């Protein structure tokens, strides 16, 4: 159950919208999760016109998404460099030594 007088986290609201779209009733969700039926109905109305996966993230979520995409590009570039290096070493017959586990 959530604390009273605290705003509901964005992820919680999105989960409630997903559950309603999956066929659950706002009233039963309100009872189960300890929030108000009107809140759930308003969240569903606010996010109408798109599925939860297409809802625009909040400003904090947007910034996190930008950072994650930047990190993903960096990791993909590192992976590509390592793949090319591995192919080069394999093509030149260079053996890479590994520590023995014996």
PDB file of N, CA and C in Angstrom:
ATOM      1  N   UNK A   1       0.838  -1.171   0.000  1.00  0.00           N
ATOM      2  CA  UNK A   1       0.000   0.000   0.000  1.00  0.00           C
ATOM      3  C   UNK A   1       0.888   1.241   0.000  1.00  0.00           C
ATOM      4  N   UNK A   2       0.453   2.280  -0.722  1.00  0.00           N
ATOM      5  CA  UNK A   2       1.238   3.496  -0.827  1.00  0.00           C
ATOM      6  C   UNK A   2       0.918   4.447   0.314  1.00  0.00           C
ATOM      7  N   UNK A   3       1.895   5.312   0.645  1.00  0.00           N
ATOM      8  CA  UNK A   3       1.684   6.298   1.704  1.00  0.00           C
ATOM      9  C   UNK A   3       0.702   7.362   1.235  1.00  0.00           C
ATOM     10  N   UNK A   4      -0.104   7.870   2.166  1.00  0.00           N
ATOM     11  CA  UNK A   4      -1.059   8.917   1.832  1.00  0.00           C
ATOM     12  C   UNK A   4      -0.329  10.242   1.656  1.00  0.00           C
ATOM     13  N   UNK A   5      -0.940  11.125   0.872  1.00  0.00           N
ATOM     14  CA  UNK A   5      -0.442  12.474   0.623  1.00  0.00           C
ATOM     15  C   UNK A   5       0.890  12.512  -0.119  1.00  0.00           C
ATOM     16  N   UNK A   6       1.284  11.445  -0.743  1.00  0.00           N
ATOM     17  CA  UNK A   6       2.502  11.431  -1.550  1.00  0.00           C
ATOM     18  C   UNK A   6       2.066  11.198  -2.993  1.00  0.00           C
ATOM     19  N   UNK A   7       2.676  11.881  -3.954  1.00  0.00           N
ATOM     20  CA  UNK A   7       2.302  11.642  -5.349  1.00  0.00           C
ATOM     21  C   UNK A   7       2.681  10.213  -5.753  1.00  0.00           C
ATOM     22  N   UNK A   8       1.853   9.656  -6.590  1.00  0.00           N
ATOM     23  CA  UNK A   8       2.124   8.301  -7.060  1.00  0.00           C
ATOM     24  C   UNK A   8       3.260   8.341  -8.077  1.00  0.00           C
ATOM     25  N   UNK A   9       4.204   7.417  -7.982  1.00  0.00           N
ATOM     26  CA  UNK A   9       5.307   7.382  -8.950  1.00  0.00           C
ATOM     27  C   UNK A   9       4.768   7.134 -10.360  1.00  0.00           C
ATOM     28  N   UNK A  10       5.440   7.687 -11.335  1.00  0.00           N
ATOM     29  CA  UNK A  10       5.034   7.545 -12.735  1.00  0.00           C
ATOM     30  C   UNK A  10       4.908   6.073 -13.129  1.00  0.00           C
ATOM     31  N   UNK A  11       5.865   5.255 -12.702  1.00  0.00           N
ATOM     32  CA  UNK A  11       5.828   3.830 -13.053  1.00  0.00           C
ATOM     33  C   UNK A  11       4.573   3.167 -12.497  1.00  0.00           C
ATOM     34  N   UNK A  12       4.162   3.524 -11.292  1.00  0.00           N
ATOM     35  CA  UNK A  12       2.955   2.974 -10.691  1.00  0.00           C
ATOM     36  C   UNK A  12       1.737   3.352 -11.523  1.00  0.00           C
ATOM     37  N   UNK A  13       1.656   4.634 -11.928  1.00  0.00           N
ATOM     38  CA  UNK A  13       0.519   5.087 -12.733  1.00  0.00           C
ATOM     39  C   UNK A  13       0.459   4.351 -14.064  1.00  0.00           C
ATOM     40  N   UNK A  14       1.623   4.165 -14.688  1.00  0.00           N
ATOM     41  CA  UNK A  14       1.661   3.448 -15.959  1.00  0.00           C
ATOM     42  C   UNK A  14       1.212   1.999 -15.792  1.00  0.00           C
ATOM     43  N   UNK A  15       1.603   1.379 -14.694  1.00  0.00           N
ATOM     44  CA  UNK A  15       1.183  -0.004 -14.435  1.00  0.00           C
ATOM     45  C   UNK A  15      -0.323  -0.084 -14.251  1.00  0.00           C
ATOM     46  N   UNK A  16      -0.915   0.899 -13.568  1.00  0.00           N
ATOM     47  CA  UNK A  16      -2.365   0.915 -13.384  1.00  0.00           C
ATOM     48  C   UNK A  16      -3.072   1.058 -14.728  1.00  0.00           C
ATOM     49  N   UNK A  17      -2.547   1.927 -15.597  1.00  0.00           N
ATOM     50  CA  UNK A  17      -3.129   2.110 -16.937  1.00  0.00           C
ATOM     51  C   UNK A  17      -3.044   0.806 -17.720  1.00  0.00           C
ATOM     52  N   UNK A  18      -1.902   0.132 -17.656  1.00  0.00           N
ATOM     53  CA  UNK A  18      -1.736  -1.141 -18.360  1.00  0.00           C
ATOM     54  C   UNK A  18      -2.732  -2.179 -17.853  1.00  0.00           C
ATOM     55  N   UNK A  19      -2.923  -2.229 -16.540  1.00  0.00           N
ATOM     56  CA  UNK A  19      -3.863  -3.197 -15.968  1.00  0.00           C
ATOM     57  C   UNK A  19      -5.298  -2.909 -16.404  1.00  0.00           C
ATOM     58  N   UNK A  20      -5.681  -1.633 -16.467  1.00  0.00           N
ATOM     59  CA  UNK A  20      -7.022  -1.274 -16.933  1.00  0.00           C
ATOM     60  C   UNK A  20      -7.182  -1.658 -18.401  1.00  0.00           C
ATOM     61  N   UNK A  21      -6.179  -1.376 -19.200  1.00  0.00           N
ATOM     62  CA  UNK A  21      -6.247  -1.734 -20.623  1.00  0.00           C
ATOM     63  C   UNK A  21      -6.284  -3.246 -20.817  1.00  0.00           C
ATOM     64  N   UNK A  22      -5.753  -3.982 -19.846  1.00  0.00           N
ATOM     65  CA  UNK A  22      -5.780  -5.447 -19.914  1.00  0.00           C
ATOM     66  C   UNK A  22      -7.110  -6.017 -19.432  1.00  0.00           C
ATOM     67  N   UNK A  23      -8.016  -5.130 -18.971  1.00  0.00           N
ATOM     68  CA  UNK A  23      -9.343  -5.600 -18.596  1.00  0.00           C
ATOM     69  C   UNK A  23      -9.714  -5.491 -17.131  1.00  0.00           C
ATOM     70  N   UNK A  24      -8.780  -5.069 -16.279  1.00  0.00           N
ATOM     71  CA  UNK A  24      -9.098  -4.914 -14.864  1.00  0.00           C
ATOM     72  C   UNK A  24      -9.933  -3.660 -14.658  1.00  0.00           C
ATOM     73  N   UNK A  25     -10.768  -3.651 -13.650  1.00  0.00           N
ATOM     74  CA  UNK A  25     -11.627  -2.515 -13.331  1.00  0.00           C
ATOM     75  C   UNK A  25     -10.896  -1.560 -12.390  1.00  0.00           C
ATOM     76  N   UNK A  26     -11.007  -0.234 -12.643  1.00  0.00           N
ATOM     77  CA  UNK A  26     -10.357   0.736 -11.761  1.00  0.00           C
ATOM     78  C   UNK A  26     -10.765   0.554 -10.294  1.00  0.00           C
ATOM     79  N   UNK A  27     -12.006   0.199 -10.051  1.00  0.00           N
ATOM     80  CA  UNK A  27     -12.467   0.039  -8.664  1.00  0.00           C
ATOM     81  C   UNK A  27     -11.722  -1.093  -7.951  1.00  0.00           C
ATOM     82  N   UNK A  28     -11.572  -2.240  -8.624  1.00  0.00           N
ATOM     83  CA  UNK A  28     -10.878  -3.365  -7.972  1.00  0.00           C
ATOM     84  C   UNK A  28      -9.392  -3.065  -7.795  1.00  0.00           C
ATOM     85  N   UNK A  29      -8.795  -2.333  -8.744  1.00  0.00           N
ATOM     86  CA  UNK A  29      -7.386  -1.943  -8.597  1.00  0.00           C
ATOM     87  C   UNK A  29      -7.212  -0.974  -7.438  1.00  0.00           C
ATOM     88  N   UNK A  30      -8.176  -0.047  -7.283  1.00  0.00           N
ATOM     89  CA  UNK A  30      -8.118   0.917  -6.186  1.00  0.00           C
ATOM     90  C   UNK A  30      -8.144   0.203  -4.841  1.00  0.00           C
ATOM     91  N   UNK A  31      -8.994  -0.789  -4.726  1.00  0.00           N
ATOM     92  CA  UNK A  31      -9.086  -1.549  -3.474  1.00  0.00           C
ATOM     93  C   UNK A  31      -7.798  -2.342  -3.243  1.00  0.00           C
ATOM     94  N   UNK A  32      -7.325  -2.987  -4.295  1.00  0.00           N
ATOM     95  CA  UNK A  32      -6.136  -3.844  -4.181  1.00  0.00           C
ATOM     96  C   UNK A  32      -4.867  -3.059  -3.862  1.00  0.00           C
ATOM     97  N   UNK A  33      -4.715  -1.868  -4.482  1.00  0.00           N
ATOM     98  CA  UNK A  33      -3.458  -1.124  -4.340  1.00  0.00           C
ATOM     99  C   UNK A  33      -3.556   0.085  -3.415  1.00  0.00           C
ATOM    100  N   UNK A  34      -4.728   0.349  -2.863  1.00  0.00           N
ATOM    101  CA  UNK A  34      -4.865   1.412  -1.874  1.00  0.00           C
ATOM    102  C   UNK A  34      -4.824   2.819  -2.423  1.00  0.00           C
ATOM    103  N   UNK A  35      -5.280   2.997  -3.633  1.00  0.00           N
ATOM    104  CA  UNK A  35      -5.383   4.347  -4.179  1.00  0.00           C
ATOM    105  C   UNK A  35      -6.848   4.599  -4.538  1.00  0.00           C
ATOM    106  N   UNK A  36      -7.153   5.777  -5.040  1.00  0.00           N
ATOM    107  CA  UNK A  36      -8.540   6.117  -5.309  1.00  0.00           C
ATOM    108  C   UNK A  36      -8.920   5.758  -6.746  1.00  0.00           C
ATOM    109  N   UNK A  37     -10.125   5.254  -6.901  1.00  0.00           N
ATOM    110  CA  UNK A  37     -10.640   4.870  -8.221  1.00  0.00           C
ATOM    111  C   UNK A  37     -10.607   6.051  -9.192  1.00  0.00           C
ATOM    112  N   UNK A  38     -10.916   7.244  -8.712  1.00  0.00           N
ATOM    113  CA  UNK A  38     -10.917   8.430  -9.561  1.00  0.00           C
ATOM    114  C   UNK A  38      -9.517   8.713 -10.107  1.00  0.00           C
ATOM    115  N   UNK A  39      -8.503   8.483  -9.291  1.00  0.00           N
ATOM    116  CA  UNK A  39      -7.120   8.694  -9.747  1.00  0.00           C
ATOM    117  C   UNK A  39      -6.796   7.767 -10.911  1.00  0.00           C
ATOM    118  N   UNK A  40      -7.157   6.514 -10.756  1.00  0.00           N
ATOM    119  CA  UNK A  40      -6.871   5.538 -11.814  1.00  0.00           C
ATOM    120  C   UNK A  40      -7.619   5.915 -13.086  1.00  0.00           C
ATOM    121  N   UNK A  41      -8.871   6.282 -12.950  1.00  0.00           N
ATOM    122  CA  UNK A  41      -9.666   6.676 -14.109  1.00  0.00           C
ATOM    123  C   UNK A  41      -9.044   7.888 -14.802  1.00  0.00           C
ATOM    124  N   UNK A  42      -8.557   8.846 -14.030  1.00  0.00           N
ATOM    125  CA  UNK A  42      -7.912  10.035 -14.600  1.00  0.00           C
ATOM    126  C   UNK A  42      -6.624   9.664 -15.323  1.00  0.00           C
ATOM    127  N   UNK A  43      -5.842   8.762 -14.762  1.00  0.00           N
ATOM    128  CA  UNK A  43      -4.602   8.335 -15.427  1.00  0.00           C
ATOM    129  C   UNK A  43      -4.910   7.678 -16.759  1.00  0.00           C
ATOM    130  N   UNK A  44      -5.948   6.837 -16.767  1.00  0.00           N
ATOM    131  CA  UNK A  44      -6.332   6.169 -18.013  1.00  0.00           C
ATOM    132  C   UNK A  44      -6.759   7.219 -19.035  1.00  0.00           C
ATOM    133  N   UNK A  45      -7.539   8.202 -18.614  1.00  0.00           N
ATOM    134  CA  UNK A  45      -7.999   9.259 -19.512  1.00  0.00           C
ATOM    135  C   UNK A  45      -6.815  10.085 -20.025  1.00  0.00           C
ATOM    136  N   UNK A  46      -5.868  10.394 -19.137  1.00  0.00           N
ATOM    137  CA  UNK A  46      -4.705  11.200 -19.518  1.00  0.00           C
ATOM    138  C   UNK A  46      -3.856  10.489 -20.570  1.00  0.00           C
ATOM    139  N   UNK A  47      -3.706   9.188 -20.408  1.00  0.00           N
ATOM    140  CA  UNK A  47      -2.847   8.444 -21.313  1.00  0.00           C
ATOM    141  C   UNK A  47      -3.608   7.853 -22.491  1.00  0.00           C
ATOM    142  N   UNK A  48      -4.876   8.205 -22.647  1.00  0.00           N
ATOM    143  CA  UNK A  48      -5.673   7.691 -23.768  1.00  0.00           C
ATOM    144  C   UNK A  48      -5.066   8.179 -25.077  1.00  0.00           C
ATOM    145  N   UNK A  49      -5.219   7.373 -26.096  1.00  0.00           N
ATOM    146  CA  UNK A  49      -4.671   7.745 -27.391  1.00  0.00           C
ATOM    147  C   UNK A  49      -3.334   7.096 -27.659  1.00  0.00           C
ATOM    148  N   UNK A  50      -2.827   6.388 -26.716  1.00  0.00           N
ATOM    149  CA  UNK A  50      -1.569   5.684 -26.904  1.00  0.00           C
ATOM    150  C   UNK A  50      -1.441   4.577 -25.893  1.00  0.00           C
ATOM    151  N   UNK A  51      -0.719   3.575 -26.253  1.00  0.00           N
ATOM    152  CA  UNK A  51      -0.478   2.496 -25.310  1.00  0.00           C
ATOM    153  C   UNK A  51       0.591   2.961 -24.333  1.00  0.00           C
ATOM    154  N   UNK A  52       0.711   2.351 -23.178  1.00  0.00           N
ATOM    155  CA  UNK A  52       1.728   2.766 -22.213  1.00  0.00           C
ATOM    156  C   UNK A  52       3.141   2.790 -22.785  1.00  0.00           C
ATOM    157  N   UNK A  53       3.423   1.967 -23.780  1.00  0.00           N
ATOM    158  CA  UNK A  53       4.769   1.972 -24.352  1.00  0.00           C
ATOM    159  C   UNK A  53       5.020   3.207 -25.209  1.00  0.00           C
ATOM    160  N   UNK A  54       3.949   3.933 -25.608  1.00  0.00           N
ATOM    161  CA  UNK A  54       4.136   5.125 -26.429  1.00  0.00           C
ATOM    162  C   UNK A  54       3.922   6.398 -25.653  1.00  0.00           C
ATOM    163  N   UNK A  55       3.680   6.315 -24.356  1.00  0.00           N
ATOM    164  CA  UNK A  55       3.453   7.492 -23.530  1.00  0.00           C
ATOM    165  C   UNK A  55       4.761   8.244 -23.374  1.00  0.00           C
ATOM    166  N   UNK A  56       4.691   9.566 -23.493  1.00  0.00           N
ATOM    167  CA  UNK A  56       5.873  10.395 -23.352  1.00  0.00           C
ATOM    168  C   UNK A  56       6.355  10.368 -21.909  1.00  0.00           C
ATOM    169  N   UNK A  57       7.633  10.087 -21.693  1.00  0.00           N
ATOM    170  CA  UNK A  57       8.138  10.054 -20.318  1.00  0.00           C
ATOM    171  C   UNK A  57       8.169  11.446 -19.694  1.00  0.00           C
ATOM    172  N   UNK A  58       8.231  11.492 -18.381  1.00  0.00           N
ATOM    173  CA  UNK A  58       8.352  12.760 -17.662  1.00  0.00           C
ATOM    174  C   UNK A  58       9.723  13.352 -17.949  1.00  0.00           C
ATOM    175  N   UNK A  59       9.978  14.572 -17.499  1.00  0.00           N
ATOM    176  CA  UNK A  59      11.261  15.215 -17.771  1.00  0.00           C
ATOM    177  C   UNK A  59      12.417  14.406 -17.185  1.00  0.00           C
ATOM    178  N   UNK A  60      12.240  13.846 -15.970  1.00  0.00           N
ATOM    179  CA  UNK A  60      13.286  12.994 -15.389  1.00  0.00           C
ATOM    180  C   UNK A  60      13.468  11.741 -16.222  1.00  0.00           C
ATOM    181  N   UNK A  61      12.362  11.149 -16.638  1.00  0.00           N
ATOM    182  CA  UNK A  61      12.423   9.949 -17.463  1.00  0.00           C
ATOM    183  C   UNK A  61      13.039  10.228 -18.821  1.00  0.00           C
ATOM    184  N   UNK A  62      12.746  11.397 -19.362  1.00  0.00           N
ATOM    185  CA  UNK A  62      13.293  11.788 -20.665  1.00  0.00           C
ATOM    186  C   UNK A  62      14.811  11.932 -20.578  1.00  0.00           C
ATOM    187  N   UNK A  63      15.285  12.579 -19.516  1.00  0.00           N
ATOM    188  CA  UNK A  63      16.728  12.745 -19.327  1.00  0.00           C
ATOM    189  C   UNK A  63      17.416  11.389 -19.147  1.00  0.00           C
ATOM    190  N   UNK A  64      16.784  10.512 -18.385  1.00  0.00           N
ATOM    191  CA  UNK A  64      17.347   9.171 -18.184  1.00  0.00           C
ATOM    192  C   UNK A  64      17.386   8.413 -19.498  1.00  0.00           C
ATOM    193  N   UNK A  65      16.341   8.551 -20.305  1.00  0.00           N
ATOM    194  CA  UNK A  65      16.293   7.883 -21.607  1.00  0.00           C
ATOM    195  C   UNK A  65      17.420   8.372 -22.509  1.00  0.00           C
ATOM    196  N   UNK A  66      17.678   9.677 -22.504  1.00  0.00           N
ATOM    197  CA  UNK A  66      18.772  10.243 -23.301  1.00  0.00           C
ATOM    198  C   UNK A  66      20.112   9.665 -22.845  1.00  0.00           C
ATOM    199  N   UNK A  67      20.324   9.601 -21.524  1.00  0.00           N
ATOM    200  CA  UNK A  67      21.573   9.054 -20.991  1.00  0.00           C
ATOM    201  C   UNK A  67      21.726   7.580 -21.339  1.00  0.00           C
ATOM    202  N   UNK A  68      20.642   6.824 -21.245  1.00  0.00           N
ATOM    203  CA  UNK A  68      20.706   5.394 -21.552  1.00  0.00           C
ATOM    204  C   UNK A  68      20.998   5.157 -23.033  1.00  0.00           C
ATOM    205  N   UNK A  69      20.399   5.959 -23.889  1.00  0.00           N
ATOM    206  CA  UNK A  69      20.673   5.820 -25.330  1.00  0.00           C
ATOM    207  C   UNK A  69      22.126   6.157 -25.641  1.00  0.00           C
ATOM    208  N   UNK A  70      22.657   7.184 -24.976  1.00  0.00           N
ATOM    209  CA  UNK A  70      24.055   7.565 -25.165  1.00  0.00           C
ATOM    210  C   UNK A  70      24.977   6.419 -24.718  1.00  0.00           C
ATOM    211  N   UNK A  71      24.671   5.837 -23.562  1.00  0.00           N
ATOM    212  CA  UNK A  71      25.472   4.723 -23.034  1.00  0.00           C
ATOM    213  C   UNK A  71      25.372   3.509 -23.956  1.00  0.00           C
ATOM    214  N   UNK A  72      24.185   3.261 -24.496  1.00  0.00           N
ATOM    215  CA  UNK A  72      24.009   2.142 -25.421  1.00  0.00           C
ATOM    216  C   UNK A  72      24.883   2.316 -26.665  1.00  0.00           C
ATOM    217  N   UNK A  73      24.910   3.528 -27.220  1.00  0.00           N
ATOM    218  CA  UNK A  73      25.758   3.772 -28.394  1.00  0.00           C
ATOM    219  C   UNK A  73      27.228   3.522 -28.065  1.00  0.00           C
ATOM    220  N   UNK A  74      27.657   3.944 -26.869  1.00  0.00           N
ATOM    221  CA  UNK A  74      29.043   3.743 -26.451  1.00  0.00           C
ATOM    222  C   UNK A  74      29.351   2.250 -26.322  1.00  0.00           C
ATOM    223  N   UNK A  75      28.476   1.506 -25.675  1.00  0.00           N
ATOM    224  CA  UNK A  75      28.695   0.071 -25.477  1.00  0.00           C
ATOM    225  C   UNK A  75      28.688  -0.658 -26.821  1.00  0.00           C
ATOM    226  N   UNK A  76      27.796  -0.265 -27.730  1.00  0.00           N
ATOM    227  CA  UNK A  76      27.764  -0.899 -29.051  1.00  0.00           C
ATOM    228  C   UNK A  76      29.056  -0.621 -29.815  1.00  0.00           C
ATOM    229  N   UNK A  77      29.576   0.605 -29.714  1.00  0.00           N
ATOM    230  CA  UNK A  77      30.838   0.939 -30.384  1.00  0.00           C
ATOM    231  C   UNK A  77      31.990   0.111 -29.807  1.00  0.00           C
ATOM    232  N   UNK A  78      32.025  -0.019 -28.481  1.00  0.00           N
ATOM    233  CA  UNK A  78      33.069  -0.832 -27.842  1.00  0.00           C
ATOM    234  C   UNK A  78      32.962  -2.289 -28.280  1.00  0.00           C
ATOM    235  N   UNK A  79      31.743  -2.800 -28.361  1.00  0.00           N
ATOM    236  CA  UNK A  79      31.541  -4.175 -28.802  1.00  0.00           C
ATOM    237  C   UNK A  79      32.045  -4.375 -30.230  1.00  0.00           C
ATOM    238  N   UNK A  80      31.743  -3.408 -31.119  1.00  0.00           N
ATOM    239  CA  UNK A  80      32.184  -3.513 -32.508  1.00  0.00           C
ATOM    240  C   UNK A  80      33.707  -3.489 -32.608  1.00  0.00           C
ATOM    241  N   UNK A  81      34.349  -2.640 -31.809  1.00  0.00           N
ATOM    242  CA  UNK A  81      35.816  -2.580 -31.805  1.00  0.00           C
ATOM    243  C   UNK A  81      36.399  -3.905 -31.336  1.00  0.00           C
ATOM    244  N   UNK A  82      35.844  -4.468 -30.277  1.00  0.00           N
ATOM    245  CA  UNK A  82      36.334  -5.752 -29.772  1.00  0.00           C
ATOM    246  C   UNK A  82      36.119  -6.878 -30.787  1.00  0.00           C
ATOM    247  N   UNK A  83      35.001  -6.856 -31.486  1.00  0.00           N
ATOM    248  CA  UNK A  83      34.745  -7.889 -32.503  1.00  0.00           C
ATOM    249  C   UNK A  83      35.762  -7.789 -33.633  1.00  0.00           C
ATOM    250  N   UNK A  84      36.074  -6.565 -34.063  1.00  0.00           N
ATOM    251  CA  UNK A  84      37.065  -6.378 -35.129  1.00  0.00           C
ATOM    252  C   UNK A  84      38.449  -6.807 -34.664  1.00  0.00           C
ATOM    253  N   UNK A  85      38.792  -6.479 -33.421  1.00  0.00           N
ATOM    254  CA  UNK A  85      40.104  -6.868 -32.888  1.00  0.00           C
ATOM    255  C   UNK A  85      40.209  -8.387 -32.790  1.00  0.00           C
ATOM    256  N   UNK A  86      39.136  -9.020 -32.342  1.00  0.00           N
ATOM    257  CA  UNK A  86      39.139 -10.485 -32.239  1.00  0.00           C
ATOM    258  C   UNK A  86      39.309 -11.118 -33.608  1.00  0.00           C
ATOM    259  N   UNK A  87      38.607 -10.590 -34.603  1.00  0.00           N
ATOM    260  CA  UNK A  87      38.721 -11.124 -35.962  1.00  0.00           C
ATOM    261  C   UNK A  87      40.135 -10.908 -36.504  1.00  0.00           C
ATOM    262  N   UNK A  88      40.736  -9.756 -36.233  1.00  0.00           N
ATOM    263  CA  UNK A  88      42.078  -9.478 -36.704  1.00  0.00           C
ATOM    264  C   UNK A  88      43.080 -10.439 -36.080  1.00  0.00           C
ATOM    265  N   UNK A  89      42.987 -10.636 -34.742  1.00  0.00           N
ATOM    266  CA  UNK A  89      43.897 -11.557 -34.069  1.00  0.00           C
ATOM    267  C   UNK A  89      43.711 -12.973 -34.590  1.00  0.00           C
ATOM    268  N   UNK A  90      42.488 -13.390 -34.815  1.00  0.00           N
ATOM    269  CA  UNK A  90      42.216 -14.742 -35.305  1.00  0.00           C
ATOM    270  C   UNK A  90      42.744 -14.911 -36.725  1.00  0.00           C
ATOM    271  N   UNK A  91      42.618 -13.888 -37.553  1.00  0.00           N
ATOM    272  CA  UNK A  91      43.077 -13.953 -38.939  1.00  0.00           C
ATOM    273  C   UNK A  91      44.582 -13.933 -39.069  1.00  0.00           C
ATOM    274  N   UNK A  92      45.279 -13.390 -38.112  1.00  0.00           N
ATOM    275  CA  UNK A  92      46.733 -13.303 -38.147  1.00  0.00           C
ATOM    276  C   UNK A  92      47.409 -14.416 -37.359  1.00  0.00           C
ATOM    277  N   UNK A  93      46.639 -15.353 -36.867  1.00  0.00           N
ATOM    278  CA  UNK A  93      47.200 -16.479 -36.151  1.00  0.00           C
ATOM    279  C   UNK A  93      47.794 -16.125 -34.803  1.00  0.00           C
ATOM    280  N   UNK A  94      47.424 -15.026 -34.264  1.00  0.00           N
ATOM    281  CA  UNK A  94      47.942 -14.606 -32.962  1.00  0.00           C
ATOM    282  C   UNK A  94      47.147 -15.319 -31.885  1.00  0.00           C
ATOM    283  N   UNK A  95      47.859 -15.977 -30.978  1.00  0.00           N
ATOM    284  CA  UNK A  95      47.182 -16.638 -29.869  1.00  0.00           C
ATOM    285  C   UNK A  95      47.182 -15.720 -28.676  1.00  0.00           C
ATOM    286  N   UNK A  96      46.031 -15.628 -28.082  1.00  0.00           N
ATOM    287  CA  UNK A  96      45.916 -14.800 -26.893  1.00  0.00           C
ATOM    288  C   UNK A  96      46.061 -15.708 -25.696  1.00  0.00           C
ATOM    289  N   UNK A  97      46.897 -15.316 -24.757  1.00  0.00           N
ATOM    290  CA  UNK A  97      47.090 -16.147 -23.580  1.00  0.00           C
ATOM    291  C   UNK A  97      46.000 -15.859 -22.571  1.00  0.00           C
ATOM    292  N   UNK A  98      45.565 -16.922 -21.905  1.00  0.00           N
ATOM    293  CA  UNK A  98      44.589 -16.776 -20.841  1.00  0.00           C
ATOM    294  C   UNK A  98      45.165 -17.395 -19.590  1.00  0.00           C
ATOM    295  N   UNK A  99      44.754 -16.900 -18.479  1.00  0.00           N
ATOM    296  CA  UNK A  99      45.241 -17.433 -17.196  1.00  0.00           C
ATOM    297  C   UNK A  99      44.729 -18.839 -17.001  1.00  0.00           C
ATOM    298  N   UNK A 100      45.588 -19.707 -16.536  1.00  0.00           N
ATOM    299  CA  UNK A 100      45.207 -21.082 -16.297  1.00  0.00           C
ATOM    300  C   UNK A 100      44.392 -21.158 -15.002  1.00  0.00           C
ATOM    301  N   UNK A 101      43.404 -22.030 -15.005  1.00  0.00           N
ATOM    302  CA  UNK A 101      42.579 -22.189 -13.809  1.00  0.00           C
ATOM    303  C   UNK A 101      42.984 -23.420 -13.018  1.00  0.00           C
ATOM    304  N   UNK A 102      44.070 -24.038 -13.417  1.00  0.00           N
ATOM    305  CA  UNK A 102      44.512 -25.246 -12.702  1.00  0.00           C
ATOM    306  C   UNK A 102      45.272 -24.931 -11.465  1.00  0.00           C
TER     307      UNK A 102
END
